[in-house]
Amino acid sequence: MTNPNLEEIGENMGLTFSLISKIKEQLKLQPKPANPAGMITDRAEQDQGKPDQAPEAVPESEGRPVSSRELELLYTACSDLLTSGDGEAFRKIAGLVLEHLGVSGCSIWEINSGQAQEPIRLAFVLAPEARKVENLSSLDFEVTALVAGTGEPVVSQDIRKEGRLPKVRELNPIGVLALPLVNRKELLGTFSIWSHPRQERTGLTTVEVELVATLAQILSLGLDYYRQVSEYHQHQRLKKELQIAREIQQGLAPRALPRLEGISLETRTMAANQVGGDYVDVILTQGGKMGIVIGDVMGKGIPAALFMVMTRTVFRAVAKRALLPHQVLTEVNEVLLTDLHNQGSFVTLFYALYDPVTNVLVYANAGHNPPIAYRSAKDEFFILKAKGVYIGAKPGANYCLSSFRLQAGDIVVFYSDGLKEAMNNQREQFGVQRVMDTVRKYAIYDSPGITDCLSYALADFTGDAPQSDDITMAILKVQ
């Protein structure tokens, strides 16, 4: 991110003179006000009534010199907007406009990019007399919308006579000079000055109009810089929030896995983004059995991570009551159904309960990938299938209960679809067969060793291809 350069400033100064010409063209069409306290006058009008001083022959484009106070205003605008990029600078500039030019009100708006072009008011400062004008805040919005819609300035000594704003005829008389803020041909915002008629103030002179137009171009550059700074800070804030969310999610993962005599167990998750929607957990029930649950929330990123945390909370509360897997899935579905349905999301879950006394694994499936069981004594693989719809599919869902008796040396691999669907640069998937081949090859190791070997095999296969989905696995081995 860089500050606007001199070439950009030069280009915008060219736009300044074009803007001044548009203001003057509209001003010529304005009827002369009966009260000389109009919004804008030229030097000749300002010098009338001074018999001891002859009018000075100065071209209209030059006018009187810019005063030191006005130079201070321009300097402050440049220094604040082009260095800080702080939104407070716009409120400070609006206040200085009232102080230096003696006008009644000043507002600065940002126009969001995109089709909606929603305006955001950055500053709105009023003098006491302008606060008496009814609904001036709403009128300021209407004028801003008009400038944003046409891209042209609005110049009016009496806003009640502005034909493009028919709803304001009942207001008190007040004048406005509203300018578009444009940079690189993009409309960034608007800059409006309000002037309430009063005897001690004859309005803006021609030079002051040029000063305001110059200030508008400085505001355009400052608004562009402010937008860049805001986007940068928003990116940094989001990055920090994602890091916090990742730390929270990692804290929810099982770190010290429960231990049961006669088995080894390992879990691993590799998120595709900073946070993910895969879910794995290990639970010891009140009956002394070990529950292993693995799941996948539809989608990626923060929304999926939020549903993952919600699923984990509900699942743990239900599973600790020592219910059988199909009963747990039924209750979890009923609890999460409404929230998942409202968000158009769903969760797949596979839940298995291992009994260390009988070596029986009972399980139920809610639309998840069925685990792979390897019987090393006979070099056979089994797919642990069980029927059941995903969580959030429908109310009153029923889930089937199945069982599988494990023997010494048997290995069970629970996994999310990110494992089998991981692709290399040739768009080939890792697939279930490669999972089986790796498990068979390294079956002599314990669960942590097999998990490492499977992770290495996956990394070797995918190479430098980007990871497109979360990858989660849990491996159980009977000693």
Protein backbone atom coordinates (compact mmCIF):
# COMPACT_ATOMS: atom_id res chain seq x y z
CA MET A 1 0.00 0.00 0.00
CA THR A 2 1.44 3.41 -0.98
CA ASN A 3 0.50 7.05 -0.65
CA PRO A 4 -0.99 8.77 -3.73
CA ASN A 5 1.89 9.92 -5.94
CA LEU A 6 2.50 13.30 -7.60
CA GLU A 7 1.19 12.06 -10.94
CA GLU A 8 -2.16 11.21 -9.32
CA ILE A 9 -2.26 14.61 -7.60
CA GLY A 10 -1.57 16.36 -10.90
CA GLU A 11 -4.34 14.40 -12.59
CA ASN A 12 -6.76 15.30 -9.84
CA MET A 13 -5.83 18.98 -9.96
CA GLY A 14 -6.87 18.88 -13.61
CA LEU A 15 -10.21 17.50 -12.44
CA THR A 16 -10.41 20.42 -10.00
CA PHE A 17 -10.65 23.02 -12.76
CA SER A 18 -13.22 20.90 -14.61
CA LEU A 19 -15.26 20.74 -11.40
CA ILE A 20 -15.00 24.51 -10.91
CA SER A 21 -16.32 25.04 -14.44
CA LYS A 22 -19.32 22.80 -13.77
CA ILE A 23 -20.08 24.72 -10.58
CA LYS A 24 -19.92 28.04 -12.37
CA GLU A 25 -22.13 26.79 -15.21
CA GLN A 26 -24.80 25.75 -12.72
CA LEU A 27 -24.35 29.02 -10.84
CA LYS A 28 -25.11 31.07 -13.96
CA LEU A 29 -28.46 29.31 -14.21
CA GLN A 30 -29.38 30.30 -10.65
CA PRO A 31 -31.68 33.35 -10.31
CA LYS A 32 -30.18 36.28 -8.42
CA PRO A 33 -31.48 36.16 -4.84
CA ALA A 34 -33.44 39.10 -3.45
CA ASN A 35 -31.37 38.89 -0.28
CA PRO A 36 -27.66 39.39 -1.05
CA ALA A 37 -26.86 36.71 1.53
CA GLY A 38 -26.81 34.06 -1.17
CA MET A 39 -24.72 30.95 -1.16
CA ILE A 40 -22.08 32.02 -3.69
CA THR A 41 -21.08 35.45 -5.04
CA ASP A 42 -18.23 36.74 -7.14
CA ARG A 43 -15.71 39.42 -6.15
CA ALA A 44 -17.61 42.22 -7.90
CA GLU A 45 -20.71 41.51 -5.78
CA GLN A 46 -18.62 41.36 -2.64
CA ASP A 47 -17.02 44.74 -3.35
CA GLN A 48 -20.28 46.59 -4.00
CA GLY A 49 -21.11 49.32 -1.51
CA LYS A 50 -17.45 50.34 -1.00
CA PRO A 51 -17.24 53.87 -2.60
CA ASP A 52 -13.70 54.57 -1.40
CA GLN A 53 -12.30 51.50 -3.11
CA ALA A 54 -12.49 50.99 -6.87
CA PRO A 55 -13.12 47.44 -8.06
CA GLU A 56 -9.89 45.70 -8.92
CA ALA A 57 -9.59 44.35 -12.43
CA VAL A 58 -8.71 40.76 -11.64
CA PRO A 59 -9.66 37.82 -13.89
CA GLU A 60 -12.43 35.72 -12.37
CA SER A 61 -10.29 32.59 -12.57
CA GLU A 62 -7.73 34.17 -10.23
CA GLY A 63 -9.73 36.30 -7.78
CA ARG A 64 -8.18 37.37 -4.48
CA PRO A 65 -5.22 35.53 -2.96
CA VAL A 66 -5.90 32.55 -0.74
CA SER A 67 -5.66 33.61 2.89
CA SER A 68 -3.31 32.08 5.42
CA ARG A 69 -6.29 30.52 7.23
CA GLU A 70 -7.43 28.89 3.99
CA LEU A 71 -3.92 27.65 3.30
CA GLU A 72 -3.94 26.18 6.81
CA LEU A 73 -7.16 24.37 5.93
CA LEU A 74 -5.62 22.85 2.79
CA TYR A 75 -2.43 21.93 4.66
CA THR A 76 -4.38 20.25 7.45
CA ALA A 77 -6.46 18.30 4.93
CA CYS A 78 -3.37 17.08 3.10
CA SER A 79 -1.37 16.19 6.21
CA ASP A 80 -4.22 14.42 8.01
CA LEU A 81 -5.70 12.51 5.10
CA LEU A 82 -2.59 11.55 3.19
CA THR A 83 -0.60 10.40 6.21
CA SER A 84 -2.95 9.02 8.85
CA GLY A 85 -5.71 7.42 6.79
CA ASP A 86 -7.82 7.87 9.93
CA GLY A 87 -11.58 8.38 9.75
CA GLU A 88 -11.32 11.00 12.49
CA ALA A 89 -9.51 13.24 9.98
CA PHE A 90 -12.75 13.70 8.01
CA ARG A 91 -14.60 14.99 11.06
CA LYS A 92 -11.71 17.34 11.78
CA ILE A 93 -11.75 18.67 8.20
CA ALA A 94 -15.53 19.24 8.34
CA GLY A 95 -15.10 21.26 11.52
CA LEU A 96 -12.30 23.33 9.99
CA VAL A 97 -14.45 24.08 6.93
CA LEU A 98 -17.08 25.63 9.21
CA GLU A 99 -14.43 27.58 11.11
CA HIS A 100 -12.42 28.86 8.12
CA LEU A 101 -15.20 29.51 5.59
CA GLY A 102 -17.94 30.58 7.97
CA VAL A 103 -20.54 28.25 6.43
CA SER A 104 -23.40 26.58 8.29
CA GLY A 105 -22.72 22.91 7.72
CA CYS A 106 -20.37 20.40 6.14
CA SER A 107 -20.69 16.69 5.43
CA ILE A 108 -18.39 14.08 3.93
CA TRP A 109 -19.71 10.76 2.67
CA GLU A 110 -18.08 7.58 1.42
CA ILE A 111 -19.80 5.68 -1.39
CA ASN A 112 -19.24 1.95 -1.21
CA SER A 113 -18.13 0.32 -4.42
CA GLY A 114 -20.43 -2.16 -6.12
CA GLN A 115 -23.89 -2.03 -7.59
CA ALA A 116 -25.60 -0.88 -4.38
CA GLN A 117 -23.23 2.12 -3.87
CA GLU A 118 -24.41 2.48 -0.29
CA PRO A 119 -23.34 5.84 1.21
CA ILE A 120 -21.64 6.00 4.62
CA ARG A 121 -21.50 9.34 6.40
CA LEU A 122 -17.96 10.00 7.62
CA ALA A 123 -18.58 13.52 8.96
CA PHE A 124 -21.54 15.86 9.55
CA VAL A 125 -20.87 19.13 11.40
CA LEU A 126 -23.44 21.92 11.78
CA ALA A 127 -23.35 25.49 13.04
CA PRO A 128 -26.10 26.50 15.54
CA GLU A 129 -28.33 28.19 12.93
CA ALA A 130 -28.29 25.12 10.67
CA ARG A 131 -29.49 22.88 13.49
CA LYS A 132 -32.82 24.69 13.33
CA VAL A 133 -33.43 23.49 9.76
CA GLU A 134 -35.91 20.66 9.95
CA ASN A 135 -34.75 17.25 8.69
CA LEU A 136 -31.43 18.63 7.45
CA SER A 137 -29.75 15.30 8.17
CA SER A 138 -32.20 13.51 5.85
CA LEU A 139 -31.83 16.27 3.27
CA ASP A 140 -28.06 15.85 3.38
CA PHE A 141 -28.55 12.17 2.57
CA GLU A 142 -30.92 12.98 -0.32
CA VAL A 143 -28.43 15.42 -1.84
CA THR A 144 -25.63 12.88 -1.44
CA ALA A 145 -27.74 10.23 -3.19
CA LEU A 146 -28.41 12.70 -6.04
CA VAL A 147 -24.71 13.47 -6.49
CA ALA A 148 -23.81 9.78 -6.27
CA GLY A 149 -26.47 8.89 -8.83
CA THR A 150 -25.56 11.55 -11.39
CA GLY A 151 -21.87 12.06 -10.67
CA GLU A 152 -22.51 15.81 -11.01
CA PRO A 153 -22.31 18.59 -8.39
CA VAL A 154 -25.43 20.12 -6.89
CA VAL A 155 -25.28 23.91 -6.56
CA SER A 156 -28.27 25.73 -5.08
CA GLN A 157 -28.68 29.01 -3.22
CA ASP A 158 -32.09 27.84 -1.99
CA ILE A 159 -32.58 24.08 -1.79
CA ARG A 160 -36.35 24.55 -1.94
CA LYS A 161 -35.98 25.54 -5.59
CA GLU A 162 -33.99 22.44 -6.55
CA GLY A 163 -36.32 20.68 -8.99
CA ARG A 164 -34.62 17.33 -8.59
CA LEU A 165 -35.57 17.27 -4.89
CA PRO A 166 -39.36 17.84 -4.90
CA LYS A 167 -39.83 16.64 -1.33
CA VAL A 168 -37.92 19.53 0.26
CA ARG A 169 -40.15 22.48 -0.64
CA GLU A 170 -41.44 22.87 2.92
CA LEU A 171 -37.97 23.33 4.41
CA ASN A 172 -36.46 26.56 5.59
CA PRO A 173 -34.27 28.30 2.99
CA ILE A 174 -30.72 26.93 2.93
CA GLY A 175 -28.13 26.69 0.18
CA VAL A 176 -25.86 23.78 -0.70
CA LEU A 177 -22.72 23.11 -2.68
CA ALA A 178 -22.38 19.31 -3.01
CA LEU A 179 -19.44 17.87 -4.94
CA PRO A 180 -18.58 14.33 -6.07
CA LEU A 181 -15.30 12.92 -4.78
CA VAL A 182 -13.70 11.07 -7.69
CA ASN A 183 -10.31 9.39 -8.05
CA ARG A 184 -9.15 7.32 -11.04
CA LYS A 185 -12.60 7.86 -12.53
CA GLU A 186 -14.19 6.07 -9.58
CA LEU A 187 -16.81 7.78 -7.43
CA LEU A 188 -15.55 7.47 -3.86
CA GLY A 189 -17.86 9.83 -1.99
CA THR A 190 -19.41 13.29 -1.74
CA PHE A 191 -18.50 16.58 -0.05
CA SER A 192 -21.29 19.02 0.83
CA ILE A 193 -21.28 22.55 2.23
CA TRP A 194 -24.49 24.06 3.58
CA SER A 195 -25.05 27.82 3.88
CA HIS A 196 -27.93 29.32 5.87
CA PRO A 197 -28.82 32.89 4.82
CA ARG A 198 -27.81 35.54 7.35
CA GLN A 199 -26.95 39.23 7.16
CA GLU A 200 -23.36 39.06 8.39
CA ARG A 201 -22.35 36.50 5.71
CA THR A 202 -22.73 37.13 1.98
CA GLY A 203 -21.79 33.57 0.99
CA LEU A 204 -18.79 31.91 -0.66
CA THR A 205 -16.72 34.00 -3.02
CA THR A 206 -15.42 32.69 -6.32
CA VAL A 207 -12.01 32.02 -4.81
CA GLU A 208 -13.61 30.16 -1.93
CA VAL A 209 -15.50 28.03 -4.44
CA GLU A 210 -12.19 27.19 -6.08
CA LEU A 211 -10.74 26.50 -2.65
CA VAL A 212 -13.61 24.11 -1.89
CA ALA A 213 -13.16 22.34 -5.24
CA THR A 214 -9.44 21.95 -4.54
CA LEU A 215 -10.25 20.63 -1.09
CA ALA A 216 -12.69 18.17 -2.70
CA GLN A 217 -9.87 16.74 -4.82
CA ILE A 218 -7.65 16.44 -1.75
CA LEU A 219 -10.52 14.66 -0.01
CA SER A 220 -10.79 12.34 -3.01
CA LEU A 221 -7.16 11.31 -2.63
CA GLY A 222 -7.54 11.09 1.13
CA LEU A 223 -10.69 8.99 0.81
CA ASP A 224 -8.92 6.62 -1.57
CA TYR A 225 -6.05 6.29 0.90
CA TYR A 226 -8.50 5.92 3.79
CA ARG A 227 -10.22 3.08 1.95
CA GLN A 228 -6.89 1.33 1.37
CA VAL A 229 -5.94 1.72 5.04
CA SER A 230 -9.38 0.50 6.15
CA GLU A 231 -9.13 -2.58 3.92
CA TYR A 232 -5.65 -3.28 5.27
CA HIS A 233 -6.76 -2.97 8.89
CA GLN A 234 -9.84 -5.09 8.17
CA HIS A 235 -7.62 -7.74 6.60
CA GLN A 236 -5.29 -7.67 9.62
CA ARG A 237 -8.23 -7.84 12.02
CA LEU A 238 -9.75 -10.78 10.14
CA LYS A 239 -6.37 -12.50 10.07
CA LYS A 240 -6.07 -12.09 13.84
CA GLU A 241 -9.64 -13.32 14.42
CA LEU A 242 -8.97 -16.36 12.22
CA GLN A 243 -5.84 -17.11 14.21
CA ILE A 244 -7.82 -16.89 17.46
CA ALA A 245 -10.52 -19.14 15.98
CA ARG A 246 -7.86 -21.62 14.90
CA GLU A 247 -6.35 -21.67 18.39
CA ILE A 248 -9.79 -22.20 19.91
CA GLN A 249 -10.55 -25.00 17.48
CA GLN A 250 -7.19 -26.65 18.09
CA GLY A 251 -7.88 -26.41 21.81
CA LEU A 252 -11.08 -28.39 21.30
CA ALA A 253 -9.26 -31.25 19.58
CA PRO A 254 -8.41 -34.22 21.80
CA ARG A 255 -4.82 -33.71 22.98
CA ALA A 256 -4.29 -36.32 25.65
CA LEU A 257 -6.29 -39.21 24.24
CA PRO A 258 -8.03 -41.54 26.70
CA ARG A 259 -6.16 -44.78 27.23
CA LEU A 260 -7.64 -48.26 27.35
CA GLU A 261 -5.69 -51.40 28.02
CA GLY A 262 -4.97 -53.43 24.88
CA ILE A 263 -5.42 -50.74 22.20
CA SER A 264 -3.53 -47.80 20.71
CA LEU A 265 -5.31 -44.79 19.25
CA GLU A 266 -4.24 -41.70 17.28
CA THR A 267 -6.14 -38.79 15.68
CA ARG A 268 -4.98 -36.14 13.21
CA THR A 269 -6.55 -33.18 11.41
CA MET A 270 -5.12 -31.05 8.58
CA ALA A 271 -7.35 -28.06 7.85
CA ALA A 272 -7.49 -26.70 4.31
CA ASN A 273 -7.98 -23.19 5.70
CA GLN A 274 -7.05 -21.59 9.02
CA VAL A 275 -10.18 -23.12 10.49
CA GLY A 276 -12.08 -26.13 9.24
CA GLY A 277 -15.30 -28.09 9.45
CA ASP A 278 -13.92 -31.58 10.13
CA TYR A 279 -14.65 -33.06 13.55
CA VAL A 280 -12.98 -35.86 15.47
CA ASP A 281 -13.29 -36.66 19.15
CA VAL A 282 -12.66 -39.47 21.60
CA ILE A 283 -14.98 -39.92 24.59
CA LEU A 284 -14.92 -42.26 27.59
CA THR A 285 -18.50 -43.10 28.52
CA GLN A 286 -19.88 -43.71 31.98
CA GLY A 287 -19.85 -47.44 31.25
CA GLY A 288 -16.06 -47.52 30.67
CA LYS A 289 -16.31 -47.80 26.89
CA MET A 290 -14.42 -45.68 24.36
CA GLY A 291 -16.40 -43.66 21.85
CA ILE A 292 -14.80 -42.48 18.59
CA VAL A 293 -16.68 -39.94 16.50
CA ILE A 294 -15.63 -38.42 13.19
CA GLY A 295 -17.63 -35.95 11.13
CA ASP A 296 -17.64 -33.33 8.43
CA VAL A 297 -19.66 -30.11 8.29
CA MET A 298 -20.78 -28.97 4.85
CA GLY A 299 -18.60 -26.09 3.68
CA LYS A 300 -15.28 -24.65 4.78
CA GLY A 301 -13.89 -21.80 6.81
CA ILE A 302 -15.52 -19.97 9.72
CA PRO A 303 -19.19 -21.00 9.11
CA ALA A 304 -18.22 -24.68 9.00
CA ALA A 305 -16.00 -24.25 12.05
CA LEU A 306 -18.86 -22.71 14.04
CA PHE A 307 -21.15 -25.64 13.24
CA MET A 308 -18.33 -28.01 14.09
CA VAL A 309 -18.02 -26.48 17.57
CA MET A 310 -21.81 -26.63 17.99
CA THR A 311 -21.84 -30.30 16.94
CA ARG A 312 -19.01 -31.17 19.31
CA THR A 313 -20.78 -29.55 22.25
CA VAL A 314 -24.08 -31.30 21.61
CA PHE A 315 -22.45 -34.65 20.81
CA ARG A 316 -20.37 -34.75 23.98
CA ALA A 317 -23.38 -33.93 26.14
CA VAL A 318 -25.41 -36.77 24.61
CA ALA A 319 -22.67 -39.41 24.24
CA LYS A 320 -21.51 -39.28 27.87
CA ARG A 321 -24.83 -40.79 28.92
CA ALA A 322 -23.64 -44.20 27.67
CA LEU A 323 -26.27 -44.45 24.95
CA LEU A 324 -25.70 -46.73 21.98
CA PRO A 325 -24.36 -45.03 18.79
CA HIS A 326 -27.66 -45.08 16.88
CA GLN A 327 -29.44 -43.49 19.86
CA VAL A 328 -26.79 -40.78 20.13
CA LEU A 329 -27.11 -39.87 16.44
CA THR A 330 -30.90 -39.71 16.73
CA GLU A 331 -30.74 -37.26 19.63
CA VAL A 332 -28.00 -35.14 18.03
CA ASN A 333 -30.07 -34.88 14.87
CA GLU A 334 -33.12 -33.66 16.77
CA VAL A 335 -31.10 -31.01 18.65
CA LEU A 336 -29.23 -29.64 15.62
CA LEU A 337 -31.96 -30.08 13.01
CA THR A 338 -33.53 -26.60 13.21
CA ASP A 339 -30.25 -24.66 13.22
CA LEU A 340 -28.80 -26.69 10.36
CA HIS A 341 -31.99 -26.40 8.32
CA ASN A 342 -32.19 -22.62 8.84
CA GLN A 343 -28.62 -22.21 7.59
CA GLY A 344 -29.00 -24.67 4.72
CA SER A 345 -26.22 -26.85 6.12
CA PHE A 346 -25.75 -30.43 7.30
CA VAL A 347 -23.24 -32.63 9.16
CA THR A 348 -22.09 -36.17 8.45
CA LEU A 349 -21.13 -38.26 11.49
CA PHE A 350 -19.83 -41.76 12.17
CA TYR A 351 -19.89 -42.90 15.79
CA ALA A 352 -18.33 -46.11 17.09
CA LEU A 353 -18.26 -47.44 20.65
CA TYR A 354 -15.50 -49.89 21.61
CA ASP A 355 -15.90 -52.31 24.52
CA PRO A 356 -12.46 -53.38 25.84
CA VAL A 357 -13.99 -56.38 27.62
CA THR A 358 -15.64 -58.01 24.59
CA ASN A 359 -13.49 -56.34 21.87
CA VAL A 360 -16.73 -55.51 20.05
CA LEU A 361 -17.05 -52.28 18.10
CA VAL A 362 -20.68 -51.14 17.74
CA TYR A 363 -21.35 -48.25 15.40
CA ALA A 364 -23.87 -46.14 13.50
CA ASN A 365 -23.48 -43.87 10.51
CA ALA A 366 -25.12 -40.54 9.61
CA GLY A 367 -24.09 -40.17 5.97
CA HIS A 368 -20.32 -40.29 6.61
CA ASN A 369 -17.57 -42.27 4.88
CA PRO A 370 -17.61 -45.81 6.33
CA PRO A 371 -14.34 -46.71 8.11
CA ILE A 372 -11.94 -49.35 6.84
CA ALA A 373 -11.13 -52.35 9.07
CA TYR A 374 -7.98 -54.41 8.40
CA ARG A 375 -7.65 -57.94 9.78
CA SER A 376 -3.90 -58.46 9.61
CA ALA A 377 -4.04 -62.14 10.56
CA LYS A 378 -5.86 -62.92 7.28
CA ASP A 379 -4.77 -59.82 5.30
CA GLU A 380 -8.42 -58.87 4.75
CA PHE A 381 -10.17 -55.52 4.58
CA PHE A 382 -13.74 -54.82 5.65
CA ILE A 383 -15.88 -51.73 5.07
CA LEU A 384 -17.92 -50.92 8.18
CA LYS A 385 -21.18 -49.98 6.50
CA ALA A 386 -24.34 -48.82 8.24
CA LYS A 387 -27.36 -47.01 6.82
CA GLY A 388 -28.35 -43.54 7.99
CA VAL A 389 -29.02 -40.05 6.63
CA TYR A 390 -26.82 -37.08 7.52
CA ILE A 391 -27.53 -34.89 10.55
CA GLY A 392 -30.02 -32.19 9.62
CA ALA A 393 -31.70 -34.14 6.81
CA LYS A 394 -35.11 -34.66 8.40
CA PRO A 395 -36.87 -34.90 11.77
CA GLY A 396 -37.31 -38.32 13.37
CA ALA A 397 -34.41 -39.88 11.47
CA ASN A 398 -33.59 -43.48 12.45
CA TYR A 399 -30.07 -44.92 12.38
CA CYS A 400 -29.07 -48.57 12.12
CA LEU A 401 -26.81 -50.18 14.70
CA SER A 402 -24.07 -52.55 13.48
CA SER A 403 -21.17 -54.33 15.16
CA PHE A 404 -17.72 -55.76 14.36
CA ARG A 405 -15.62 -57.96 16.66
CA LEU A 406 -11.97 -56.95 16.65
CA GLN A 407 -9.03 -59.33 17.09
CA ALA A 408 -5.40 -58.82 18.04
CA GLY A 409 -3.58 -56.90 15.28
CA ASP A 410 -6.76 -55.50 13.74
CA ILE A 411 -6.70 -51.87 12.58
CA VAL A 412 -9.65 -49.55 12.00
CA VAL A 413 -9.20 -46.32 9.97
CA PHE A 414 -11.82 -43.60 10.43
CA TYR A 415 -11.46 -40.73 7.92
CA SER A 416 -13.11 -37.73 6.30
CA ASP A 417 -13.58 -37.46 2.55
CA GLY A 418 -10.64 -35.04 2.36
CA LEU A 419 -8.31 -38.05 2.72
CA LYS A 420 -9.59 -40.18 -0.16
CA GLU A 421 -10.36 -37.14 -2.38
CA ALA A 422 -6.96 -35.43 -1.98
CA MET A 423 -5.55 -34.80 -5.47
CA ASN A 424 -2.13 -34.45 -7.04
CA ASN A 425 -1.20 -32.10 -9.88
CA GLN A 426 -2.52 -34.64 -12.42
CA ARG A 427 -5.96 -34.36 -10.77
CA GLU A 428 -5.78 -37.97 -9.53
CA GLN A 429 -7.39 -38.78 -6.18
CA PHE A 430 -5.55 -40.52 -3.38
CA GLY A 431 -8.46 -42.95 -3.08
CA VAL A 432 -9.43 -45.69 -0.65
CA GLN A 433 -7.14 -48.25 -2.30
CA ARG A 434 -4.01 -46.23 -1.48
CA VAL A 435 -5.24 -45.94 2.11
CA MET A 436 -5.54 -49.75 2.25
CA ASP A 437 -2.14 -50.31 0.63
CA THR A 438 -0.46 -47.98 3.14
CA VAL A 439 -2.17 -49.59 6.15
CA ARG A 440 -1.20 -53.07 4.95
CA LYS A 441 2.42 -52.00 4.36
CA TYR A 442 2.87 -50.49 7.82
CA ALA A 443 0.51 -52.68 9.86
CA ILE A 444 3.31 -53.73 12.23
CA TYR A 445 3.40 -50.22 13.73
CA ASP A 446 1.14 -48.86 16.44
CA SER A 447 -1.56 -46.28 15.71
CA PRO A 448 0.70 -43.18 15.89
CA GLY A 449 3.21 -44.87 13.55
CA ILE A 450 0.53 -45.89 11.04
CA THR A 451 -0.93 -42.36 11.15
CA ASP A 452 2.51 -40.87 10.40
CA CYS A 453 3.08 -43.28 7.51
CA LEU A 454 -0.34 -42.53 6.04
CA SER A 455 0.33 -38.78 6.33
CA TYR A 456 3.72 -39.17 4.59
CA ALA A 457 2.20 -41.29 1.82
CA LEU A 458 -0.48 -38.67 1.28
CA ALA A 459 2.06 -35.83 1.16
CA ASP A 460 4.23 -37.76 -1.27
CA PHE A 461 1.23 -38.35 -3.53
CA THR A 462 -0.15 -34.80 -3.57
CA GLY A 463 3.25 -33.07 -3.82
CA ASP A 464 2.85 -29.31 -4.13
CA ALA A 465 -0.80 -29.49 -5.22
CA PRO A 466 -2.98 -27.22 -3.04
CA GLN A 467 -5.12 -28.88 -0.37
CA SER A 468 -8.76 -28.32 -1.28
CA ASP A 469 -10.51 -29.88 1.71
CA ASP A 470 -9.97 -30.64 5.38
CA ILE A 471 -8.32 -34.00 6.07
CA THR A 472 -9.07 -35.86 9.29
CA MET A 473 -8.33 -39.39 10.42
CA ALA A 474 -8.48 -41.55 13.54
CA ILE A 475 -6.72 -44.91 13.69
CA LEU A 476 -7.48 -47.60 16.24
CA LYS A 477 -5.33 -50.72 16.64
CA VAL A 478 -5.86 -53.73 18.90
CA GLN A 479 -2.57 -54.89 20.43
